[in-house]
N, C-alpha and C. Protein backbone atom coordinates (compact mmCIF):
# COMPACT_ATOMS: atom_id res chain seq x y z
N MET A 1 -5.73 -2.38 -7.26
CA MET A 1 -6.70 -1.88 -6.43
C MET A 1 -7.94 -2.68 -6.51
N ARG A 2 -8.33 -3.41 -7.37
CA ARG A 2 -9.53 -4.44 -7.35
C ARG A 2 -9.10 -5.56 -6.25
N ILE A 3 -7.84 -5.87 -6.46
CA ILE A 3 -7.59 -7.04 -5.54
C ILE A 3 -7.59 -6.56 -4.05
N ALA A 4 -7.19 -5.26 -3.82
CA ALA A 4 -7.21 -4.92 -2.36
C ALA A 4 -8.66 -4.80 -1.94
N ILE A 5 -9.55 -4.24 -2.85
CA ILE A 5 -10.99 -4.15 -2.54
C ILE A 5 -11.57 -5.47 -2.29
N ALA A 6 -11.38 -6.52 -3.00
CA ALA A 6 -11.78 -7.81 -2.95
C ALA A 6 -11.36 -8.37 -1.57
N ALA A 7 -10.06 -8.23 -1.34
CA ALA A 7 -9.49 -8.83 -0.12
C ALA A 7 -10.22 -8.04 1.18
N ALA A 8 -10.39 -6.83 1.02
CA ALA A 8 -11.07 -6.13 2.07
C ALA A 8 -12.30 -6.35 2.34
N ALA A 9 -13.16 -6.91 1.13
CA ALA A 9 -14.55 -7.19 1.29
C ALA A 9 -14.56 -8.63 2.10
N VAL A 10 -13.54 -9.48 1.67
CA VAL A 10 -13.62 -10.81 2.37
C VAL A 10 -13.29 -10.64 3.89
N LEU A 11 -12.37 -9.69 4.11
CA LEU A 11 -12.07 -9.55 5.54
C LEU A 11 -13.14 -8.94 6.26
N ALA A 12 -14.01 -7.93 5.65
CA ALA A 12 -15.03 -7.42 6.32
C ALA A 12 -16.06 -8.41 6.71
N LEU A 13 -16.22 -9.33 5.79
CA LEU A 13 -17.31 -10.40 5.90
C LEU A 13 -16.95 -11.37 6.97
N ALA A 14 -15.55 -11.62 7.00
CA ALA A 14 -15.03 -12.45 8.03
C ALA A 14 -15.10 -11.74 9.44
N ALA A 15 -14.85 -10.45 9.48
CA ALA A 15 -14.80 -9.86 10.71
C ALA A 15 -16.44 -9.80 11.23
N GLY A 16 -17.26 -9.61 10.37
CA GLY A 16 -18.69 -9.51 10.69
C GLY A 16 -19.12 -10.85 11.43
N ALA A 17 -18.61 -11.89 10.79
CA ALA A 17 -19.07 -13.27 11.32
C ALA A 17 -18.50 -13.65 12.47
N GLN A 18 -17.27 -13.08 12.88
CA GLN A 18 -16.77 -13.25 14.21
C GLN A 18 -16.77 -11.91 15.12
N ALA A 19 -17.90 -11.83 15.81
CA ALA A 19 -17.71 -10.56 16.68
C ALA A 19 -16.49 -10.65 17.81
N GLN A 20 -15.98 -9.62 17.89
CA GLN A 20 -14.96 -9.39 18.82
C GLN A 20 -14.95 -8.41 19.83
N PRO A 21 -15.20 -8.75 21.00
CA PRO A 21 -15.56 -7.72 22.08
C PRO A 21 -14.42 -6.78 22.35
N GLN A 22 -13.13 -6.99 22.17
CA GLN A 22 -12.04 -6.19 22.42
C GLN A 22 -11.50 -5.75 20.98
N PRO A 23 -10.72 -4.73 20.99
CA PRO A 23 -9.83 -4.64 19.93
C PRO A 23 -8.76 -5.58 19.66
N LEU A 24 -8.38 -6.06 18.33
CA LEU A 24 -7.66 -7.06 18.06
C LEU A 24 -6.07 -6.80 18.47
N ASP A 25 -5.60 -7.71 19.11
CA ASP A 25 -4.16 -7.62 19.55
C ASP A 25 -3.51 -8.35 18.59
N CYS A 26 -2.82 -7.73 17.62
CA CYS A 26 -2.16 -8.43 16.36
C CYS A 26 -1.01 -9.28 16.89
N GLY A 27 -0.26 -8.80 17.91
CA GLY A 27 0.81 -9.60 18.60
C GLY A 27 0.39 -10.94 18.95
N LYS A 28 -0.98 -11.07 19.29
CA LYS A 28 -1.38 -12.29 19.87
C LYS A 28 -2.29 -12.96 18.88
N ALA A 29 -2.51 -12.55 17.53
CA ALA A 29 -3.37 -13.08 16.66
C ALA A 29 -3.08 -14.73 16.43
N ALA A 30 -4.04 -15.49 16.66
CA ALA A 30 -3.83 -16.83 16.62
C ALA A 30 -4.68 -17.64 15.60
N THR A 31 -5.78 -16.97 15.23
CA THR A 31 -6.71 -17.69 14.09
C THR A 31 -6.25 -17.01 12.83
N GLN A 32 -6.63 -17.80 11.73
CA GLN A 32 -6.40 -17.17 10.46
C GLN A 32 -7.08 -15.98 10.16
N THR A 33 -8.36 -15.83 10.60
CA THR A 33 -9.21 -14.65 10.55
C THR A 33 -8.55 -13.44 11.30
N ASP A 34 -8.00 -13.79 12.44
CA ASP A 34 -7.31 -12.71 13.07
C ASP A 34 -6.07 -12.17 12.32
N MET A 35 -5.14 -13.21 11.87
CA MET A 35 -3.99 -12.93 11.11
C MET A 35 -4.32 -12.11 9.85
N SER A 36 -5.37 -12.52 9.24
CA SER A 36 -5.77 -11.84 7.97
C SER A 36 -6.13 -10.30 8.26
N LEU A 37 -7.01 -10.14 9.30
CA LEU A 37 -7.43 -8.77 9.84
C LEU A 37 -6.30 -7.95 10.29
N CYS A 38 -5.28 -8.71 10.84
CA CYS A 38 -3.92 -7.70 11.28
C CYS A 38 -3.13 -7.41 10.03
N ALA A 39 -3.09 -8.45 9.03
CA ALA A 39 -2.22 -7.98 7.85
C ALA A 39 -3.04 -6.95 7.00
N ASP A 40 -4.31 -6.96 7.03
CA ASP A 40 -5.21 -5.86 6.34
C ASP A 40 -4.92 -4.69 6.88
N GLN A 41 -5.03 -4.54 8.18
CA GLN A 41 -4.80 -3.32 9.14
C GLN A 41 -3.36 -2.94 8.89
N ALA A 42 -2.40 -3.55 8.77
CA ALA A 42 -1.09 -3.20 8.58
C ALA A 42 -1.06 -2.49 7.16
N TYR A 43 -1.57 -2.98 6.25
CA TYR A 43 -1.71 -2.66 4.81
C TYR A 43 -2.30 -1.31 4.78
N ARG A 44 -3.45 -1.28 5.36
CA ARG A 44 -4.13 0.13 5.56
C ARG A 44 -3.38 1.29 5.87
N LYS A 45 -2.59 0.94 6.87
CA LYS A 45 -1.80 1.92 7.69
C LYS A 45 -0.66 2.30 6.77
N SER A 46 -0.13 1.36 5.97
CA SER A 46 0.83 1.68 5.01
C SER A 46 0.31 2.38 3.80
N ASP A 47 -0.92 2.15 3.46
CA ASP A 47 -1.51 2.88 2.30
C ASP A 47 -1.88 4.22 2.66
N ALA A 48 -2.24 4.64 3.87
CA ALA A 48 -2.49 5.86 4.24
C ALA A 48 -1.02 6.69 4.21
N GLY A 49 -0.03 6.04 4.57
CA GLY A 49 1.45 6.78 4.49
C GLY A 49 1.80 7.00 3.09
N LEU A 50 1.48 5.99 2.15
CA LEU A 50 1.66 6.15 0.81
C LEU A 50 0.82 7.43 0.22
N ASN A 51 -0.34 7.42 0.60
CA ASN A 51 -1.17 8.48 0.03
C ASN A 51 -0.71 9.81 0.60
N ALA A 52 -0.18 9.95 1.81
CA ALA A 52 0.47 11.22 2.31
C ALA A 52 1.54 11.64 1.56
N ALA A 53 2.46 10.66 1.32
CA ALA A 53 3.70 11.00 0.59
C ALA A 53 3.36 11.29 -0.84
N TYR A 54 2.36 10.72 -1.37
CA TYR A 54 1.97 10.99 -2.84
C TYR A 54 1.40 12.46 -2.93
N GLN A 55 0.64 12.84 -1.97
CA GLN A 55 0.18 14.23 -1.88
C GLN A 55 1.25 15.32 -1.71
N GLU A 56 2.30 15.05 -1.02
CA GLU A 56 3.45 15.71 -0.80
C GLU A 56 4.33 15.87 -2.10
N VAL A 57 4.54 14.75 -2.84
CA VAL A 57 5.25 14.88 -4.13
C VAL A 57 4.30 15.61 -5.00
N ASN A 58 3.03 15.36 -5.17
CA ASN A 58 2.24 15.98 -5.97
C ASN A 58 2.15 17.54 -5.79
N ALA A 59 2.22 17.92 -4.54
CA ALA A 59 2.19 19.37 -4.13
C ALA A 59 3.48 20.11 -4.71
N ARG A 60 4.70 19.39 -4.49
CA ARG A 60 5.85 19.99 -5.03
C ARG A 60 5.88 19.94 -6.56
N LEU A 61 5.23 19.23 -7.25
CA LEU A 61 5.29 19.21 -8.69
C LEU A 61 4.24 20.15 -9.36
N LYS A 62 3.36 20.85 -8.50
CA LYS A 62 2.30 21.46 -8.99
C LYS A 62 2.44 22.51 -9.99
N ASP A 63 3.66 23.07 -10.13
CA ASP A 63 3.96 24.19 -11.08
C ASP A 63 4.52 23.51 -12.43
N ASP A 64 4.76 22.20 -12.37
CA ASP A 64 5.47 21.79 -13.63
C ASP A 64 4.54 20.37 -14.16
N LYS A 65 3.70 20.88 -15.28
CA LYS A 65 2.70 20.15 -15.72
C LYS A 65 3.16 18.90 -16.38
N THR A 66 4.40 18.86 -16.83
CA THR A 66 5.03 17.72 -17.45
C THR A 66 5.48 16.63 -16.55
N ALA A 67 6.16 17.17 -15.43
CA ALA A 67 6.38 16.32 -14.29
C ALA A 67 5.31 15.71 -13.54
N THR A 68 4.15 16.63 -13.37
CA THR A 68 3.12 16.02 -12.77
C THR A 68 2.33 14.88 -13.52
N THR A 69 2.32 14.98 -14.85
CA THR A 69 1.75 14.09 -15.75
C THR A 69 2.49 12.76 -15.67
N GLN A 70 3.93 12.96 -15.65
CA GLN A 70 4.66 11.71 -15.65
C GLN A 70 4.60 10.99 -14.24
N PHE A 71 4.54 11.84 -13.10
CA PHE A 71 4.42 11.24 -11.92
C PHE A 71 3.20 10.44 -11.71
N HIS A 72 1.92 11.00 -12.29
CA HIS A 72 0.79 10.38 -12.25
C HIS A 72 0.79 8.95 -13.01
N ALA A 73 1.57 9.14 -14.13
CA ALA A 73 1.57 7.83 -15.07
C ALA A 73 2.40 7.02 -14.29
N ALA A 74 3.59 7.26 -13.80
CA ALA A 74 4.27 6.30 -12.94
C ALA A 74 3.59 5.77 -11.79
N GLN A 75 2.84 6.58 -10.93
CA GLN A 75 2.09 5.92 -10.05
C GLN A 75 1.05 5.00 -10.42
N ARG A 76 0.35 5.23 -11.37
CA ARG A 76 -0.62 4.30 -11.88
C ARG A 76 -0.12 3.00 -12.41
N ALA A 77 1.13 3.15 -13.01
CA ALA A 77 1.85 2.00 -13.54
C ALA A 77 2.27 1.13 -12.25
N TRP A 78 2.78 1.86 -11.26
CA TRP A 78 3.20 1.23 -10.07
C TRP A 78 2.04 0.46 -9.49
N LEU A 79 1.05 1.15 -9.27
CA LEU A 79 -0.34 0.60 -8.64
C LEU A 79 -0.63 -0.73 -9.44
N PHE A 80 -0.43 -0.76 -10.89
CA PHE A 80 -0.86 -1.88 -11.62
C PHE A 80 0.20 -3.01 -11.21
N PHE A 81 1.41 -2.57 -11.29
CA PHE A 81 2.55 -3.60 -11.11
C PHE A 81 2.29 -4.30 -9.63
N ARG A 82 2.00 -3.51 -8.54
CA ARG A 82 1.98 -3.85 -7.14
C ARG A 82 0.81 -4.92 -7.21
N ASP A 83 -0.40 -4.49 -7.57
CA ASP A 83 -1.54 -5.52 -7.63
C ASP A 83 -1.35 -6.80 -8.32
N ALA A 84 -0.63 -6.73 -9.52
CA ALA A 84 -0.31 -7.83 -10.18
C ALA A 84 0.63 -8.76 -9.52
N GLU A 85 1.71 -7.97 -9.12
CA GLU A 85 2.83 -8.67 -8.35
C GLU A 85 2.26 -9.53 -7.12
N CYS A 86 1.46 -8.74 -6.43
CA CYS A 86 0.88 -9.42 -5.23
C CYS A 86 -0.07 -10.53 -5.50
N ALA A 87 -0.89 -10.43 -6.42
CA ALA A 87 -1.80 -11.57 -7.01
C ALA A 87 -0.98 -12.69 -7.38
N PHE A 88 0.18 -12.38 -8.06
CA PHE A 88 1.07 -13.67 -8.42
C PHE A 88 1.79 -14.26 -7.14
N ALA A 89 2.33 -13.24 -6.20
CA ALA A 89 2.84 -13.77 -4.88
C ALA A 89 1.94 -14.55 -4.13
N ALA A 90 0.78 -14.00 -4.00
CA ALA A 90 -0.19 -14.76 -3.18
C ALA A 90 -0.99 -15.99 -3.67
N GLY A 91 -0.66 -16.04 -5.05
CA GLY A 91 -1.27 -17.14 -5.94
C GLY A 91 -1.39 -18.48 -5.25
N GLY A 92 -0.38 -18.82 -4.65
CA GLY A 92 -0.13 -20.21 -4.13
C GLY A 92 -1.16 -20.44 -2.98
N THR A 93 -1.72 -19.31 -2.42
CA THR A 93 -2.83 -19.57 -1.35
C THR A 93 -4.39 -19.34 -1.85
N SER A 94 -4.35 -18.86 -3.22
CA SER A 94 -5.51 -18.73 -3.89
C SER A 94 -6.71 -19.60 -3.54
N GLY A 95 -7.93 -19.11 -3.12
CA GLY A 95 -9.00 -20.11 -2.78
C GLY A 95 -8.88 -20.66 -1.36
N GLY A 96 -7.79 -20.27 -0.66
CA GLY A 96 -7.67 -20.66 0.82
C GLY A 96 -7.88 -19.69 1.73
N SER A 97 -7.91 -20.08 3.01
CA SER A 97 -8.17 -19.01 3.97
C SER A 97 -7.08 -18.23 4.29
N ALA A 98 -5.76 -18.61 3.83
CA ALA A 98 -4.68 -17.75 3.95
C ALA A 98 -4.50 -16.65 2.91
N TYR A 99 -5.29 -16.81 1.88
CA TYR A 99 -5.09 -15.79 0.72
C TYR A 99 -5.26 -14.40 1.17
N PRO A 100 -6.21 -13.91 1.97
CA PRO A 100 -6.23 -12.48 2.37
C PRO A 100 -5.10 -12.03 2.92
N MET A 101 -4.49 -13.03 3.93
CA MET A 101 -3.37 -12.54 4.88
C MET A 101 -2.15 -12.27 3.73
N ALA A 102 -2.00 -13.39 2.85
CA ALA A 102 -0.82 -13.39 1.93
C ALA A 102 -0.84 -12.20 1.06
N LEU A 103 -2.08 -11.86 0.70
CA LEU A 103 -2.27 -10.71 -0.26
C LEU A 103 -2.01 -9.45 0.48
N SER A 104 -2.58 -9.22 1.54
CA SER A 104 -2.33 -8.08 2.44
C SER A 104 -0.88 -7.91 2.81
N THR A 105 -0.14 -8.91 3.14
CA THR A 105 1.19 -8.80 3.54
C THR A 105 2.04 -8.31 2.27
N CYS A 106 1.81 -8.88 1.14
CA CYS A 106 2.59 -8.37 0.01
C CYS A 106 2.22 -6.97 -0.44
N LEU A 107 0.90 -6.74 -0.33
CA LEU A 107 0.51 -5.25 -0.53
C LEU A 107 1.21 -4.25 0.43
N ASP A 108 1.29 -4.67 1.66
CA ASP A 108 1.88 -3.77 2.67
C ASP A 108 3.40 -3.83 2.46
N LYS A 109 3.99 -4.80 2.14
CA LYS A 109 5.39 -4.79 2.03
C LYS A 109 5.82 -3.81 0.71
N LEU A 110 5.09 -4.02 -0.45
CA LEU A 110 5.39 -3.12 -1.66
C LEU A 110 4.89 -1.73 -1.40
N THR A 111 3.98 -1.57 -0.65
CA THR A 111 3.53 -0.09 -0.46
C THR A 111 4.39 0.62 0.56
N GLN A 112 4.97 -0.05 1.43
CA GLN A 112 6.10 0.54 2.25
C GLN A 112 7.23 0.93 1.50
N ALA A 113 7.49 -0.05 0.38
CA ALA A 113 8.75 0.33 -0.23
C ALA A 113 8.59 1.49 -1.15
N ARG A 114 7.27 1.72 -1.61
CA ARG A 114 7.11 2.91 -2.65
C ARG A 114 7.04 3.93 -1.90
N THR A 115 6.56 4.04 -0.74
CA THR A 115 6.46 5.20 0.18
C THR A 115 7.72 5.76 0.60
N ARG A 116 8.89 4.78 0.83
CA ARG A 116 10.10 5.21 0.90
C ARG A 116 10.77 5.91 -0.36
N GLU A 117 10.46 5.38 -1.30
CA GLU A 117 10.96 5.99 -2.67
C GLU A 117 10.41 7.25 -2.68
N LEU A 118 8.99 7.49 -2.61
CA LEU A 118 8.54 8.82 -2.68
C LEU A 118 9.09 9.81 -1.68
N ARG A 119 9.17 9.28 -0.34
CA ARG A 119 9.71 10.22 0.66
C ARG A 119 11.33 10.66 0.32
N ALA A 120 11.96 9.56 -0.25
CA ALA A 120 13.31 9.97 -0.68
C ALA A 120 13.51 11.09 -1.80
N TYR A 121 12.37 11.17 -2.53
CA TYR A 121 12.31 12.16 -3.69
C TYR A 121 12.17 13.53 -2.92
N LEU A 122 11.42 13.41 -1.88
CA LEU A 122 11.19 14.73 -1.02
C LEU A 122 12.58 15.33 -0.23
N LYS A 123 13.50 14.38 -0.03
CA LYS A 123 14.66 14.85 0.45
C LYS A 123 15.97 14.94 -0.39
N CYS A 124 15.93 15.14 -1.60
CA CYS A 124 17.02 15.20 -2.50
C CYS A 124 17.99 16.29 -2.17
N GLY A 125 19.08 16.07 -2.28
CA GLY A 125 19.99 17.09 -2.04
C GLY A 125 20.15 18.20 -3.33
N GLU A 126 20.57 19.34 -3.03
CA GLU A 126 20.61 20.45 -3.85
C GLU A 126 21.51 19.89 -5.11
N GLY A 127 21.07 20.23 -6.33
CA GLY A 127 21.90 19.96 -7.42
C GLY A 127 21.72 18.43 -7.86
N ASP A 128 21.07 17.59 -7.33
CA ASP A 128 20.85 16.16 -7.73
C ASP A 128 19.97 16.21 -8.89
N LEU A 129 20.69 15.97 -10.03
CA LEU A 129 20.05 15.88 -11.20
C LEU A 129 19.22 14.69 -11.42
N THR A 130 19.20 13.75 -10.56
CA THR A 130 18.63 12.37 -10.92
C THR A 130 17.28 12.43 -9.99
N CYS A 131 17.07 13.70 -9.38
CA CYS A 131 15.84 13.89 -8.52
C CYS A 131 14.79 14.70 -9.27
N PRO A 132 13.58 13.96 -9.61
CA PRO A 132 12.63 14.72 -10.30
C PRO A 132 11.68 15.68 -9.42
N VAL A 133 11.88 15.65 -8.23
CA VAL A 133 11.04 16.55 -7.27
C VAL A 133 11.87 17.76 -6.82
N PRO A 134 11.36 18.90 -7.10
CA PRO A 134 12.03 19.99 -6.59
C PRO A 134 12.05 20.12 -5.18
N GLY A 135 13.18 20.86 -4.47
CA GLY A 135 13.25 20.97 -3.01
C GLY A 135 12.07 22.01 -2.69
N LYS A 136 11.95 22.09 -1.23
CA LYS A 136 10.73 23.11 -0.93
C LYS A 136 11.24 24.36 -1.38
N PRO A 137 10.23 25.42 -1.52
CA PRO A 137 10.54 26.73 -1.92
C PRO A 137 10.99 27.56 -0.68
């Protein structure tokens, strides 16, 4: 989480330094600043999707305190893993102008994967004993 906040702060400063009269067209991003802003934008969209999936799983688990506690612990551990993994993966660009883009790209990729995992829990088949999330009532 701290890594994402630091990257967002760097991107906000970069965005403020370069006034853009029109919305950014990420398909045509040519500067490192624009590419970094686009990567951050993609990550923020993925993070919103993850938060929505998290809330849905949480709602389904509301009647099971043990499962809820385990889910929260798993999510905290996953966030710690994701942030550490992305710091490592982007480490080759540390200190350079490409670091925010590399970091956001990794965060986006892993966040999308986690969202798919949580969404899969919401679609388990009846009688699936490996699924920790109950079906809709």
